[in-house]
PDB file of N, CA and C in Angstrom:
ATOM      1  N   ALA A   1      -3.071 -17.249  15.270  1.00  0.00           N
ATOM      2  CA  ALA A   1      -2.917 -17.566  16.456  1.00  0.00           C
ATOM      3  C   ALA A   1      -2.731 -16.536  17.823  1.00  0.00           C
ATOM      4  N   ARG A   2      -3.369 -16.756  18.803  1.00  0.00           N
ATOM      5  CA  ARG A   2      -3.283 -15.893  19.776  1.00  0.00           C
ATOM      6  C   ARG A   2      -1.860 -16.311  20.378  1.00  0.00           C
ATOM      7  N   GLY A   3      -1.118 -15.030  20.752  1.00  0.00           N
ATOM      8  CA  GLY A   3      -0.022 -15.025  21.824  1.00  0.00           C
ATOM      9  C   GLY A   3       1.342 -15.416  21.303  1.00  0.00           C
ATOM     10  N   ASN A   4       2.182 -14.875  21.744  1.00  0.00           N
ATOM     11  CA  ASN A   4       3.643 -14.847  21.690  1.00  0.00           C
ATOM     12  C   ASN A   4       3.951 -14.759  20.306  1.00  0.00           C
ATOM     13  N   VAL A   5       3.566 -14.108  19.522  1.00  0.00           N
ATOM     14  CA  VAL A   5       3.995 -13.884  18.137  1.00  0.00           C
ATOM     15  C   VAL A   5       4.335 -12.441  17.955  1.00  0.00           C
ATOM     16  N   VAL A   6       5.543 -12.192  17.198  1.00  0.00           N
ATOM     17  CA  VAL A   6       5.833 -10.648  17.227  1.00  0.00           C
ATOM     18  C   VAL A   6       6.365 -10.504  15.543  1.00  0.00           C
ATOM     19  N   LYS A   7       5.449  -9.499  14.966  1.00  0.00           N
ATOM     20  CA  LYS A   7       5.797  -9.129  13.541  1.00  0.00           C
ATOM     21  C   LYS A   7       7.043  -8.292  13.464  1.00  0.00           C
ATOM     22  N   THR A   8       8.101  -9.083  12.960  1.00  0.00           N
ATOM     23  CA  THR A   8       9.077  -8.134  12.868  1.00  0.00           C
ATOM     24  C   THR A   8       9.463  -8.294  10.790  1.00  0.00           C
ATOM     25  N   GLU A   9      10.198  -7.458  10.435  1.00  0.00           N
ATOM     26  CA  GLU A   9      10.283  -7.050   9.346  1.00  0.00           C
ATOM     27  C   GLU A   9       9.507  -7.305   8.052  1.00  0.00           C
ATOM     28  N   THR A  10       8.210  -6.664   8.346  1.00  0.00           N
ATOM     29  CA  THR A  10       7.016  -6.798   7.835  1.00  0.00           C
ATOM     30  C   THR A  10       7.171  -5.428   7.137  1.00  0.00           C
ATOM     31  N   LYS A  11       7.052  -5.626   5.420  1.00  0.00           N
ATOM     32  CA  LYS A  11       7.181  -4.346   4.189  1.00  0.00           C
ATOM     33  C   LYS A  11       5.463  -4.274   3.678  1.00  0.00           C
ATOM     34  N   VAL A  12       4.952  -3.018   4.008  1.00  0.00           N
ATOM     35  CA  VAL A  12       3.893  -2.857   3.395  1.00  0.00           C
ATOM     36  C   VAL A  12       4.169  -1.691   2.419  1.00  0.00           C
ATOM     37  N   ILE A  13       4.558  -2.110   1.294  1.00  0.00           N
ATOM     38  CA  ILE A  13       5.170  -0.842   0.564  1.00  0.00           C
ATOM     39  C   ILE A  13       4.268  -0.771  -1.298  1.00  0.00           C
ATOM     40  N   THR A  14       4.088   0.166  -1.534  1.00  0.00           N
ATOM     41  CA  THR A  14       3.856   0.564  -2.934  1.00  0.00           C
ATOM     42  C   THR A  14       2.493  -0.046  -3.314  1.00  0.00           C
ATOM     43  N   ASN A  15       1.476   0.048  -2.460  1.00  0.00           N
ATOM     44  CA  ASN A  15       0.061  -0.407  -3.003  1.00  0.00           C
ATOM     45  C   ASN A  15      -0.862   0.787  -2.811  1.00  0.00           C
ATOM     46  N   ILE A  16      -2.386   0.282  -3.367  1.00  0.00           N
ATOM     47  CA  ILE A  16      -3.224   0.917  -3.336  1.00  0.00           C
ATOM     48  C   ILE A  16      -4.453   0.376  -2.615  1.00  0.00           C
ATOM     49  N   VAL A  17      -4.997   1.215  -1.513  1.00  0.00           N
ATOM     50  CA  VAL A  17      -6.278   0.922  -0.672  1.00  0.00           C
ATOM     51  C   VAL A  17      -7.075   1.881  -1.269  1.00  0.00           C
ATOM     52  N   ALA A  18      -8.271   1.721  -1.739  1.00  0.00           N
ATOM     53  CA  ALA A  18      -9.349   2.579  -1.560  1.00  0.00           C
ATOM     54  C   ALA A  18     -10.570   2.386  -1.677  1.00  0.00           C
ATOM     55  N   TYR A  19     -11.545   2.795  -0.887  1.00  0.00           N
ATOM     56  CA  TYR A  19     -13.028   2.709  -0.363  1.00  0.00           C
ATOM     57  C   TYR A  19     -12.789   1.464   0.387  1.00  0.00           C
ATOM     58  N   HIS A  20     -11.928   1.290   1.190  1.00  0.00           N
ATOM     59  CA  HIS A  20     -12.100   0.214   2.276  1.00  0.00           C
ATOM     60  C   HIS A  20     -12.963   0.811   3.448  1.00  0.00           C
ATOM     61  N   PRO A  21     -13.887  -0.319   3.893  1.00  0.00           N
ATOM     62  CA  PRO A  21     -14.591   0.012   4.929  1.00  0.00           C
ATOM     63  C   PRO A  21     -14.047   0.069   6.430  1.00  0.00           C
ATOM     64  N   ARG A  22     -12.810  -0.066   6.480  1.00  0.00           N
ATOM     65  CA  ARG A  22     -12.192   0.096   7.958  1.00  0.00           C
ATOM     66  C   ARG A  22     -10.616   0.989   7.419  1.00  0.00           C
ATOM     67  N   ALA A  23      -9.824   0.396   8.213  1.00  0.00           N
ATOM     68  CA  ALA A  23      -8.523   1.135   8.113  1.00  0.00           C
ATOM     69  C   ALA A  23      -7.933   0.540   6.853  1.00  0.00           C
ATOM     70  N   PRO A  24      -7.219   1.497   6.113  1.00  0.00           N
ATOM     71  CA  PRO A  24      -6.710   0.653   4.780  1.00  0.00           C
ATOM     72  C   PRO A  24      -5.312  -0.199   5.248  1.00  0.00           C
ATOM     73  N   ILE A  25      -4.454   0.269   6.345  1.00  0.00           N
ATOM     74  CA  ILE A  25      -3.536  -0.478   6.701  1.00  0.00           C
ATOM     75  C   ILE A  25      -3.390  -0.633   8.065  1.00  0.00           C
ATOM     76  N   ARG A  26      -3.076  -1.336   8.805  1.00  0.00           N
ATOM     77  CA  ARG A  26      -3.435  -1.666  10.258  1.00  0.00           C
ATOM     78  C   ARG A  26      -2.496  -2.647  11.111  1.00  0.00           C
ATOM     79  N   GLN A  27      -1.597  -2.228  11.921  1.00  0.00           N
ATOM     80  CA  GLN A  27      -0.976  -2.939  12.796  1.00  0.00           C
ATOM     81  C   GLN A  27      -1.769  -3.104  13.935  1.00  0.00           C
ATOM     82  N   TYR A  28      -1.856  -4.326  14.384  1.00  0.00           N
ATOM     83  CA  TYR A  28      -3.109  -4.788  15.351  1.00  0.00           C
ATOM     84  C   TYR A  28      -2.256  -5.962  16.324  1.00  0.00           C
ATOM     85  N   CYS A  29      -2.752  -5.719  17.814  1.00  0.00           N
ATOM     86  CA  CYS A  29      -2.404  -6.899  18.535  1.00  0.00           C
ATOM     87  C   CYS A  29      -3.470  -7.260  19.301  1.00  0.00           C
ATOM     88  N   TYR A  30      -3.646  -8.494  19.794  1.00  0.00           N
ATOM     89  CA  TYR A  30      -4.604  -8.945  20.785  1.00  0.00           C
ATOM     90  C   TYR A  30      -4.405  -8.090  22.176  1.00  0.00           C
ATOM     91  N   PRO A  31      -5.488  -7.499  22.742  1.00  0.00           N
ATOM     92  CA  PRO A  31      -5.315  -6.725  23.893  1.00  0.00           C
ATOM     93  C   PRO A  31      -4.398  -7.146  25.096  1.00  0.00           C
ATOM     94  N   GLY A  32      -3.740  -6.328  25.613  1.00  0.00           N
ATOM     95  CA  GLY A  32      -2.399  -6.613  26.612  1.00  0.00           C
ATOM     96  C   GLY A  32      -1.291  -7.268  25.841  1.00  0.00           C
ATOM     97  N   GLN A  33      -1.292  -7.515  24.577  1.00  0.00           N
ATOM     98  CA  GLN A  33       0.022  -7.960  23.727  1.00  0.00           C
ATOM     99  C   GLN A  33       1.061  -6.748  23.223  1.00  0.00           C
ATOM    100  N   SER A  34       1.913  -7.137  23.349  1.00  0.00           N
ATOM    101  CA  SER A  34       2.710  -6.291  22.431  1.00  0.00           C
ATOM    102  C   SER A  34       3.488  -7.313  21.461  1.00  0.00           C
ATOM    103  N   CYS A  35       3.068  -7.086  19.997  1.00  0.00           N
ATOM    104  CA  CYS A  35       3.192  -7.962  18.962  1.00  0.00           C
ATOM    105  C   CYS A  35       3.743  -7.170  17.740  1.00  0.00           C
ATOM    106  N   ILE A  36       4.204  -5.997  17.796  1.00  0.00           N
ATOM    107  CA  ILE A  36       4.781  -5.077  16.736  1.00  0.00           C
ATOM    108  C   ILE A  36       6.566  -5.215  17.237  1.00  0.00           C
ATOM    109  N   GLY A  37       7.438  -5.809  16.510  1.00  0.00           N
ATOM    110  CA  GLY A  37       8.878  -5.869  16.717  1.00  0.00           C
ATOM    111  C   GLY A  37       9.385  -4.621  15.849  1.00  0.00           C
ATOM    112  N   ALA A  38      10.489  -4.752  15.444  1.00  0.00           N
ATOM    113  CA  ALA A  38      11.608  -3.863  14.895  1.00  0.00           C
ATOM    114  C   ALA A  38      11.177  -4.237  13.507  1.00  0.00           C
ATOM    115  N   ASP A  39      11.783  -3.342  12.763  1.00  0.00           N
ATOM    116  CA  ASP A  39      12.231  -3.254  11.385  1.00  0.00           C
ATOM    117  C   ASP A  39      10.906  -3.555  10.213  1.00  0.00           C
ATOM    118  N   ASN A  40       9.699  -3.017  10.722  1.00  0.00           N
ATOM    119  CA  ASN A  40       8.636  -3.160  10.018  1.00  0.00           C
ATOM    120  C   ASN A  40       8.858  -1.920   9.075  1.00  0.00           C
ATOM    121  N   LEU A  41       8.228  -1.867   8.152  1.00  0.00           N
ATOM    122  CA  LEU A  41       8.096  -0.566   7.022  1.00  0.00           C
ATOM    123  C   LEU A  41       6.718  -0.547   6.425  1.00  0.00           C
ATOM    124  N   VAL A  42       6.275   0.504   6.349  1.00  0.00           N
ATOM    125  CA  VAL A  42       4.749   0.968   5.799  1.00  0.00           C
ATOM    126  C   VAL A  42       5.380   2.135   5.045  1.00  0.00           C
ATOM    127  N   ALA A  43       5.347   2.311   3.345  1.00  0.00           N
ATOM    128  CA  ALA A  43       5.958   3.364   2.920  1.00  0.00           C
ATOM    129  C   ALA A  43       5.323   3.468   1.145  1.00  0.00           C
ATOM    130  N   HIS A  44       5.391   4.770   0.924  1.00  0.00           N
ATOM    131  CA  HIS A  44       4.881   4.922  -0.309  1.00  0.00           C
ATOM    132  C   HIS A  44       3.637   4.050  -0.906  1.00  0.00           C
ATOM    133  N   ASN A  45       2.426   4.292  -0.134  1.00  0.00           N
ATOM    134  CA  ASN A  45       1.236   3.723  -0.376  1.00  0.00           C
ATOM    135  C   ASN A  45       0.446   4.586  -0.746  1.00  0.00           C
ATOM    136  N   VAL A  46      -0.923   4.585  -1.528  1.00  0.00           N
ATOM    137  CA  VAL A  46      -1.977   5.541  -1.756  1.00  0.00           C
ATOM    138  C   VAL A  46      -2.914   4.978  -1.063  1.00  0.00           C
ATOM    139  N   VAL A  47      -3.823   5.713   0.016  1.00  0.00           N
ATOM    140  CA  VAL A  47      -4.537   5.252   0.704  1.00  0.00           C
ATOM    141  C   VAL A  47      -6.003   6.453   0.862  1.00  0.00           C
ATOM    142  N   PHE A  48      -7.098   6.214   0.249  1.00  0.00           N
ATOM    143  CA  PHE A  48      -8.133   7.328  -0.275  1.00  0.00           C
ATOM    144  C   PHE A  48      -9.561   6.610  -0.198  1.00  0.00           C
ATOM    145  N   GLY A  49     -10.304   7.390   0.442  1.00  0.00           N
ATOM    146  CA  GLY A  49     -11.794   6.962   0.698  1.00  0.00           C
ATOM    147  C   GLY A  49     -12.108   6.125   1.570  1.00  0.00           C
ATOM    148  N   ASN A  50     -11.082   5.552   2.488  1.00  0.00           N
ATOM    149  CA  ASN A  50     -11.413   4.585   3.343  1.00  0.00           C
ATOM    150  C   ASN A  50     -11.982   4.992   4.580  1.00  0.00           C
ATOM    151  N   ALA A  51     -12.336   4.519   5.597  1.00  0.00           N
ATOM    152  CA  ALA A  51     -13.277   4.514   6.672  1.00  0.00           C
ATOM    153  C   ALA A  51     -12.649   4.938   7.749  1.00  0.00           C
ATOM    154  N   ALA A  52     -11.108   4.789   7.664  1.00  0.00           N
ATOM    155  CA  ALA A  52     -10.396   5.127   8.899  1.00  0.00           C
ATOM    156  C   ALA A  52      -9.023   5.595   8.297  1.00  0.00           C
ATOM    157  N   LYS A  53      -8.296   6.240   8.930  1.00  0.00           N
ATOM    158  CA  LYS A  53      -6.736   6.302   8.372  1.00  0.00           C
ATOM    159  C   LYS A  53      -5.869   4.986   8.879  1.00  0.00           C
ATOM    160  N   ILE A  54      -4.542   5.285   8.382  1.00  0.00           N
ATOM    161  CA  ILE A  54      -3.588   4.232   8.575  1.00  0.00           C
ATOM    162  C   ILE A  54      -3.512   3.981  10.149  1.00  0.00           C
ATOM    163  N   GLU A  55      -3.433   2.870  10.761  1.00  0.00           N
ATOM    164  CA  GLU A  55      -3.139   2.527  12.321  1.00  0.00           C
ATOM    165  C   GLU A  55      -2.098   1.778  12.447  1.00  0.00           C
ATOM    166  N   MET A  56      -1.230   2.901  13.119  1.00  0.00           N
ATOM    167  CA  MET A  56       0.089   2.487  13.416  1.00  0.00           C
ATOM    168  C   MET A  56       0.437   2.202  14.936  1.00  0.00           C
ATOM    169  N   LEU A  57       0.694   1.085  15.413  1.00  0.00           N
ATOM    170  CA  LEU A  57       1.073   0.980  16.916  1.00  0.00           C
ATOM    171  C   LEU A  57       2.630   1.240  17.125  1.00  0.00           C
ATOM    172  N   VAL A  58       3.516   1.124  16.337  1.00  0.00           N
ATOM    173  CA  VAL A  58       4.665   0.793  16.426  1.00  0.00           C
ATOM    174  C   VAL A  58       5.217   1.917  15.001  1.00  0.00           C
ATOM    175  N   GLY A  59       5.934   2.758  15.342  1.00  0.00           N
ATOM    176  CA  GLY A  59       6.440   3.448  14.019  1.00  0.00           C
ATOM    177  C   GLY A  59       5.526   4.248  13.219  1.00  0.00           C
ATOM    178  N   LYS A  60       5.892   4.704  11.800  1.00  0.00           N
ATOM    179  CA  LYS A  60       4.845   5.585  11.323  1.00  0.00           C
ATOM    180  C   LYS A  60       4.967   5.269   9.931  1.00  0.00           C
ATOM    181  N   ASP A  61       3.918   5.654   8.949  1.00  0.00           N
ATOM    182  CA  ASP A  61       3.980   5.413   7.621  1.00  0.00           C
ATOM    183  C   ASP A  61       4.732   6.541   7.088  1.00  0.00           C
ATOM    184  N   ILE A  62       5.332   6.234   5.870  1.00  0.00           N
ATOM    185  CA  ILE A  62       6.004   7.404   5.300  1.00  0.00           C
ATOM    186  C   ILE A  62       5.957   7.111   3.611  1.00  0.00           C
ATOM    187  N   GLY A  63       5.729   8.676   3.250  1.00  0.00           N
ATOM    188  CA  GLY A  63       5.626   8.481   1.931  1.00  0.00           C
ATOM    189  C   GLY A  63       3.982   8.330   1.665  1.00  0.00           C
ATOM    190  N   THR A  64       2.991   8.267   2.424  1.00  0.00           N
ATOM    191  CA  THR A  64       1.862   7.977   2.030  1.00  0.00           C
ATOM    192  C   THR A  64       1.126   9.009   1.108  1.00  0.00           C
ATOM    193  N   ILE A  65       0.298   8.673   0.221  1.00  0.00           N
ATOM    194  CA  ILE A  65      -0.499   9.671  -0.642  1.00  0.00           C
ATOM    195  C   ILE A  65      -1.871   9.571   0.006  1.00  0.00           C
ATOM    196  N   THR A  66      -2.562  10.667  -0.079  1.00  0.00           N
ATOM    197  CA  THR A  66      -4.185  10.625   0.562  1.00  0.00           C
ATOM    198  C   THR A  66      -4.923  11.067  -0.419  1.00  0.00           C
ATOM    199  N   GLN A  67      -4.419  11.125  -1.663  1.00  0.00           N
ATOM    200  CA  GLN A  67      -5.463  11.653  -2.865  1.00  0.00           C
ATOM    201  C   GLN A  67      -5.922  10.421  -3.841  1.00  0.00           C
ATOM    202  N   ASP A  68      -6.973  11.015  -4.476  1.00  0.00           N
ATOM    203  CA  ASP A  68      -7.604  10.036  -5.074  1.00  0.00           C
ATOM    204  C   ASP A  68      -6.533   9.074  -6.517  1.00  0.00           C
ATOM    205  N   PRO A  69      -6.465   8.088  -6.413  1.00  0.00           N
ATOM    206  CA  PRO A  69      -5.503   7.443  -7.314  1.00  0.00           C
ATOM    207  C   PRO A  69      -5.849   7.669  -8.700  1.00  0.00           C
ATOM    208  N   LEU A  70      -6.431   7.942  -9.111  1.00  0.00           N
ATOM    209  CA  LEU A  70      -7.647   8.140 -10.489  1.00  0.00           C
ATOM    210  C   LEU A  70      -7.245   6.871 -11.211  1.00  0.00           C
ATOM    211  N   PHE A  71      -7.969   5.870 -10.934  1.00  0.00           N
ATOM    212  CA  PHE A  71      -7.830   4.625 -11.825  1.00  0.00           C
ATOM    213  C   PHE A  71      -8.427   4.927 -13.159  1.00  0.00           C
ATOM    214  N   VAL A  72      -8.456   4.319 -14.149  1.00  0.00           N
ATOM    215  CA  VAL A  72      -8.882   4.509 -15.626  1.00  0.00           C
ATOM    216  C   VAL A  72     -10.338   4.181 -15.293  1.00  0.00           C
ATOM    217  N   ASP A  73     -10.983   3.049 -14.505  1.00  0.00           N
ATOM    218  CA  ASP A  73     -12.339   2.939 -14.420  1.00  0.00           C
ATOM    219  C   ASP A  73     -12.829   2.326 -13.147  1.00  0.00           C
ATOM    220  N   PHE A  74     -12.764   3.026 -12.077  1.00  0.00           N
ATOM    221  CA  PHE A  74     -12.915   2.633 -10.785  1.00  0.00           C
ATOM    222  C   PHE A  74     -14.279   1.751 -10.633  1.00  0.00           C
ATOM    223  N   ARG A  75     -14.579   0.818 -10.166  1.00  0.00           N
ATOM    224  CA  ARG A  75     -16.214   0.286  -9.842  1.00  0.00           C
ATOM    225  C   ARG A  75     -15.947  -0.511  -8.611  1.00  0.00           C
ATOM    226  N   LEU A  76     -16.807  -0.472  -8.118  1.00  0.00           N
ATOM    227  CA  LEU A  76     -17.101  -0.745  -6.652  1.00  0.00           C
ATOM    228  C   LEU A  76     -17.225  -2.456  -6.538  1.00  0.00           C
ATOM    229  N   ASP A  77     -17.940  -2.938  -7.733  1.00  0.00           N
ATOM    230  CA  ASP A  77     -17.873  -4.228  -7.977  1.00  0.00           C
ATOM    231  C   ASP A  77     -16.673  -5.011  -8.312  1.00  0.00           C
ATOM    232  N   GLY A  78     -15.343  -4.357  -8.422  1.00  0.00           N
ATOM    233  CA  GLY A  78     -14.348  -4.921  -8.782  1.00  0.00           C
ATOM    234  C   GLY A  78     -14.212  -5.412 -10.584  1.00  0.00           C
ATOM    235  N   LYS A  79     -14.981  -5.231 -11.181  1.00  0.00           N
ATOM    236  CA  LYS A  79     -15.029  -5.121 -12.394  1.00  0.00           C
ATOM    237  C   LYS A  79     -14.525  -4.056 -13.436  1.00  0.00           C
ATOM    238  N   GLY A  80     -13.797  -2.790 -12.919  1.00  0.00           N
ATOM    239  CA  GLY A  80     -13.380  -1.901 -13.668  1.00  0.00           C
ATOM    240  C   GLY A  80     -11.800  -1.925 -14.251  1.00  0.00           C
ATOM    241  N   ASP A  81     -10.853  -0.988 -14.383  1.00  0.00           N
ATOM    242  CA  ASP A  81     -10.017  -0.923 -14.938  1.00  0.00           C
ATOM    243  C   ASP A  81      -9.280  -0.368 -14.143  1.00  0.00           C
ATOM    244  N   TYR A  82      -8.363  -1.045 -13.307  1.00  0.00           N
ATOM    245  CA  TYR A  82      -7.691  -0.377 -12.364  1.00  0.00           C
ATOM    246  C   TYR A  82      -6.203   0.067 -12.498  1.00  0.00           C
ATOM    247  N   ARG A  83      -5.875   0.314 -13.831  1.00  0.00           N
ATOM    248  CA  ARG A  83      -4.679   0.851 -14.112  1.00  0.00           C
ATOM    249  C   ARG A  83      -4.925   2.379 -14.011  1.00  0.00           C
ATOM    250  N   LEU A  84      -4.032   2.928 -13.802  1.00  0.00           N
ATOM    251  CA  LEU A  84      -3.404   4.420 -13.288  1.00  0.00           C
ATOM    252  C   LEU A  84      -3.900   5.119 -14.771  1.00  0.00           C
ATOM    253  N   ARG A  85      -4.460   6.426 -14.767  1.00  0.00           N
ATOM    254  CA  ARG A  85      -4.438   7.506 -15.622  1.00  0.00           C
ATOM    255  C   ARG A  85      -3.068   8.208 -15.684  1.00  0.00           C
ATOM    256  N   LYS A  86      -2.993   8.961 -16.628  1.00  0.00           N
ATOM    257  CA  LYS A  86      -1.919   9.456 -16.831  1.00  0.00           C
ATOM    258  C   LYS A  86      -1.523  10.784 -15.658  1.00  0.00           C
ATOM    259  N   ASP A  87      -2.264  11.368 -15.311  1.00  0.00           N
ATOM    260  CA  ASP A  87      -2.452  12.156 -13.955  1.00  0.00           C
ATOM    261  C   ASP A  87      -2.442  11.720 -12.885  1.00  0.00           C
ATOM    262  N   SER A  88      -2.395  10.451 -12.351  1.00  0.00           N
ATOM    263  CA  SER A  88      -2.591  10.061 -11.491  1.00  0.00           C
ATOM    264  C   SER A  88      -1.385  10.410 -10.483  1.00  0.00           C
ATOM    265  N   PRO A  89      -1.553  10.829  -8.975  1.00  0.00           N
ATOM    266  CA  PRO A  89      -0.567  10.539  -8.238  1.00  0.00           C
ATOM    267  C   PRO A  89       0.329   9.803  -7.405  1.00  0.00           C
ATOM    268  N   ALA A  90      -0.326   8.562  -8.260  1.00  0.00           N
ATOM    269  CA  ALA A  90       0.417   7.212  -7.470  1.00  0.00           C
ATOM    270  C   ALA A  90       1.766   7.000  -8.603  1.00  0.00           C
ATOM    271  N   ARG A  91       1.600   7.593 -10.012  1.00  0.00           N
ATOM    272  CA  ARG A  91       2.687   7.159 -11.334  1.00  0.00           C
ATOM    273  C   ARG A  91       4.026   7.961 -10.532  1.00  0.00           C
ATOM    274  N   LYS A  92       5.112   6.673 -10.792  1.00  0.00           N
ATOM    275  CA  LYS A  92       6.150   7.017 -10.278  1.00  0.00           C
ATOM    276  C   LYS A  92       6.719   7.727  -9.078  1.00  0.00           C
ATOM    277  N   ARG A  93       5.582   7.236  -8.371  1.00  0.00           N
ATOM    278  CA  ARG A  93       5.891   7.519  -6.432  1.00  0.00           C
ATOM    279  C   ARG A  93       6.199   6.426  -5.590  1.00  0.00           C
ATOM    280  N   GLY A  94       6.548   5.172  -6.280  1.00  0.00           N
ATOM    281  CA  GLY A  94       6.696   3.811  -5.453  1.00  0.00           C
ATOM    282  C   GLY A  94       8.171   3.723  -5.353  1.00  0.00           C
ATOM    283  N   LEU A  95       8.709   2.673  -4.664  1.00  0.00           N
ATOM    284  CA  LEU A  95      10.145   2.524  -4.225  1.00  0.00           C
ATOM    285  C   LEU A  95      10.673   1.465  -4.837  1.00  0.00           C
ATOM    286  N   ALA A  96      11.275   1.787  -6.304  1.00  0.00           N
ATOM    287  CA  ALA A  96      11.959   0.931  -7.229  1.00  0.00           C
ATOM    288  C   ALA A  96      12.719  -0.369  -6.573  1.00  0.00           C
ATOM    289  N   ALA A  97      13.629   0.030  -5.449  1.00  0.00           N
ATOM    290  CA  ALA A  97      14.340  -0.828  -5.038  1.00  0.00           C
ATOM    291  C   ALA A  97      13.519  -2.076  -4.111  1.00  0.00           C
ATOM    292  N   LEU A  98      12.260  -1.769  -3.698  1.00  0.00           N
ATOM    293  CA  LEU A  98      11.338  -2.567  -2.906  1.00  0.00           C
ATOM    294  C   LEU A  98      10.207  -3.060  -3.771  1.00  0.00           C
ATOM    295  N   ALA A  99       9.988  -2.807  -4.698  1.00  0.00           N
ATOM    296  CA  ALA A  99       8.811  -3.209  -5.587  1.00  0.00           C
ATOM    297  C   ALA A  99       9.121  -4.443  -6.332  1.00  0.00           C
ATOM    298  N   PRO A 100       8.321  -5.333  -6.650  1.00  0.00           N
ATOM    299  CA  PRO A 100       8.331  -6.651  -7.788  1.00  0.00           C
ATOM    300  C   PRO A 100       9.034  -6.362  -8.679  1.00  0.00           C
ATOM    301  N   PRO A 101       9.866  -7.075  -9.457  1.00  0.00           N
ATOM    302  CA  PRO A 101      10.279  -7.074 -10.765  1.00  0.00           C
ATOM    303  C   PRO A 101       9.430  -6.807 -11.612  1.00  0.00           C
ATOM    304  N   SER A 102       8.149  -7.453 -11.541  1.00  0.00           N
ATOM    305  CA  SER A 102       7.072  -6.950 -12.611  1.00  0.00           C
ATOM    306  C   SER A 102       5.776  -6.656 -12.114  1.00  0.00           C
ATOM    307  N   ASP A 103       4.636  -6.118 -12.859  1.00  0.00           N
ATOM    308  CA  ASP A 103       3.386  -5.758 -12.640  1.00  0.00           C
ATOM    309  C   ASP A 103       2.525  -6.898 -12.396  1.00  0.00           C
ATOM    310  N   ILE A 104       1.316  -7.017 -12.076  1.00  0.00           N
ATOM    311  CA  ILE A 104       0.350  -7.785 -12.336  1.00  0.00           C
ATOM    312  C   ILE A 104      -0.079  -8.809 -13.504  1.00  0.00           C
ATOM    313  N   GLU A 105       0.567  -8.288 -14.467  1.00  0.00           N
ATOM    314  CA  GLU A 105       0.356  -8.661 -15.697  1.00  0.00           C
ATOM    315  C   GLU A 105       1.466  -9.224 -16.605  1.00  0.00           C
ATOM    316  N   GLY A 106       2.756  -8.833 -15.652  1.00  0.00           N
ATOM    317  CA  GLY A 106       4.175  -9.722 -16.088  1.00  0.00           C
ATOM    318  C   GLY A 106       4.919  -8.464 -16.771  1.00  0.00           C
ATOM    319  N   ALA A 107       4.406  -7.369 -16.942  1.00  0.00           N
ATOM    320  CA  ALA A 107       5.221  -6.109 -17.320  1.00  0.00           C
ATOM    321  C   ALA A 107       6.599  -5.828 -16.372  1.00  0.00           C
ATOM    322  N   GLU A 108       7.476  -5.902 -17.016  1.00  0.00           N
ATOM    323  CA  GLU A 108       8.717  -5.317 -15.924  1.00  0.00           C
ATOM    324  C   GLU A 108       8.617  -4.062 -15.663  1.00  0.00           C
ATOM    325  N   ARG A 109       8.862  -4.027 -14.125  1.00  0.00           N
ATOM    326  CA  ARG A 109       8.880  -2.620 -13.962  1.00  0.00           C
ATOM    327  C   ARG A 109      10.134  -1.915 -14.200  1.00  0.00           C
ATOM    328  N   PRO A 110      10.203  -0.631 -14.587  1.00  0.00           N
ATOM    329  CA  PRO A 110      11.594   0.159 -14.353  1.00  0.00           C
ATOM    330  C   PRO A 110      12.305   0.218 -13.116  1.00  0.00           C
ATOM    331  N   ARG A 111      13.603  -0.153 -13.756  1.00  0.00           N
ATOM    332  CA  ARG A 111      14.606   0.019 -12.538  1.00  0.00           C
ATOM    333  C   ARG A 111      15.099   1.589 -12.193  1.00  0.00           C
ATOM    334  N   ALA A 112      14.306   2.455 -12.804  1.00  0.00           N
ATOM    335  CA  ALA A 112      14.477   3.898 -12.369  1.00  0.00           C
ATOM    336  C   ALA A 112      14.119   4.266 -10.599  1.00  0.00           C
ATOM    337  N   PRO A 113      14.481   5.428 -10.477  1.00  0.00           N
ATOM    338  CA  PRO A 113      14.323   5.647  -9.030  1.00  0.00           C
ATOM    339  C   PRO A 113      12.798   5.613  -8.295  1.00  0.00           C
ATOM    340  N   ALA A 114      12.036   5.226  -9.391  1.00  0.00           N
ATOM    341  CA  ALA A 114      10.529   5.237  -8.817  1.00  0.00           C
ATOM    342  C   ALA A 114       9.764   4.191  -9.786  1.00  0.00           C
ATOM    343  N   VAL A 115       8.880   3.822  -9.188  1.00  0.00           N
ATOM    344  CA  VAL A 115       7.794   2.943 -10.032  1.00  0.00           C
ATOM    345  C   VAL A 115       6.306   3.700  -9.821  1.00  0.00           C
ATOM    346  N   ASP A 116       5.488   3.184 -10.467  1.00  0.00           N
ATOM    347  CA  ASP A 116       4.310   3.301  -9.879  1.00  0.00           C
ATOM    348  C   ASP A 116       3.633   2.634  -8.962  1.00  0.00           C
ATOM    349  N   ILE A 117       2.998   3.077  -8.172  1.00  0.00           N
ATOM    350  CA  ILE A 117       2.600   2.529  -7.028  1.00  0.00           C
ATOM    351  C   ILE A 117       1.014   1.836  -7.556  1.00  0.00           C
ATOM    352  N   GLY A 118       1.070   0.575  -7.084  1.00  0.00           N
ATOM    353  CA  GLY A 118      -0.404   0.048  -7.458  1.00  0.00           C
ATOM    354  C   GLY A 118       0.316  -1.887  -8.008  1.00  0.00           C
ATOM    355  N   ALA A 119      -0.767  -2.108  -8.734  1.00  0.00           N
ATOM    356  CA  ALA A 119      -0.535  -3.574  -9.193  1.00  0.00           C
ATOM    357  C   ALA A 119      -0.004  -3.229 -10.671  1.00  0.00           C
ATOM    358  N   TYR A 120      -0.391  -2.166 -11.302  1.00  0.00           N
ATOM    359  CA  TYR A 120       0.090  -2.110 -12.866  1.00  0.00           C
ATOM    360  C   TYR A 120       1.186  -1.009 -12.980  1.00  0.00           C
ATOM    361  N   GLN A 121       2.143  -1.342 -13.823  1.00  0.00           N
ATOM    362  CA  GLN A 121       3.212  -0.318 -14.334  1.00  0.00           C
ATOM    363  C   GLN A 121       2.643   0.166 -15.420  1.00  0.00           C
ATOM    364  N   HIS A 122       2.625   1.620 -15.316  1.00  0.00           N
ATOM    365  CA  HIS A 122       2.396   2.735 -16.816  1.00  0.00           C
ATOM    366  C   HIS A 122       3.438   2.223 -18.007  1.00  0.00           C
TER     367      HIS A 122
END
């Protein structure tokens, strides 16, 4: 909906966005509006092979990795294996305190100082 909505306390953390045709993570407001409030966080994400960089209107991204995430078997059709290879720069680089307690398959995420970035915990 247009108008008078201010986004606050939005957190975009420990994600991988690869090969997107536009900006991988983007703050956006309708022209002439100021819709980005306080306490938003974009941190410890992997962005690679996208058509544009992260677009922030307020604040900045923290801990962004711009290297190939090194999936086991990346495929543009979505039918690949999107777990991380052992040499992935995304391994143990997420924020454990703000990560979900389990990965996409229900595997518990370690409560160490760092977790893997992305949907799967190695």
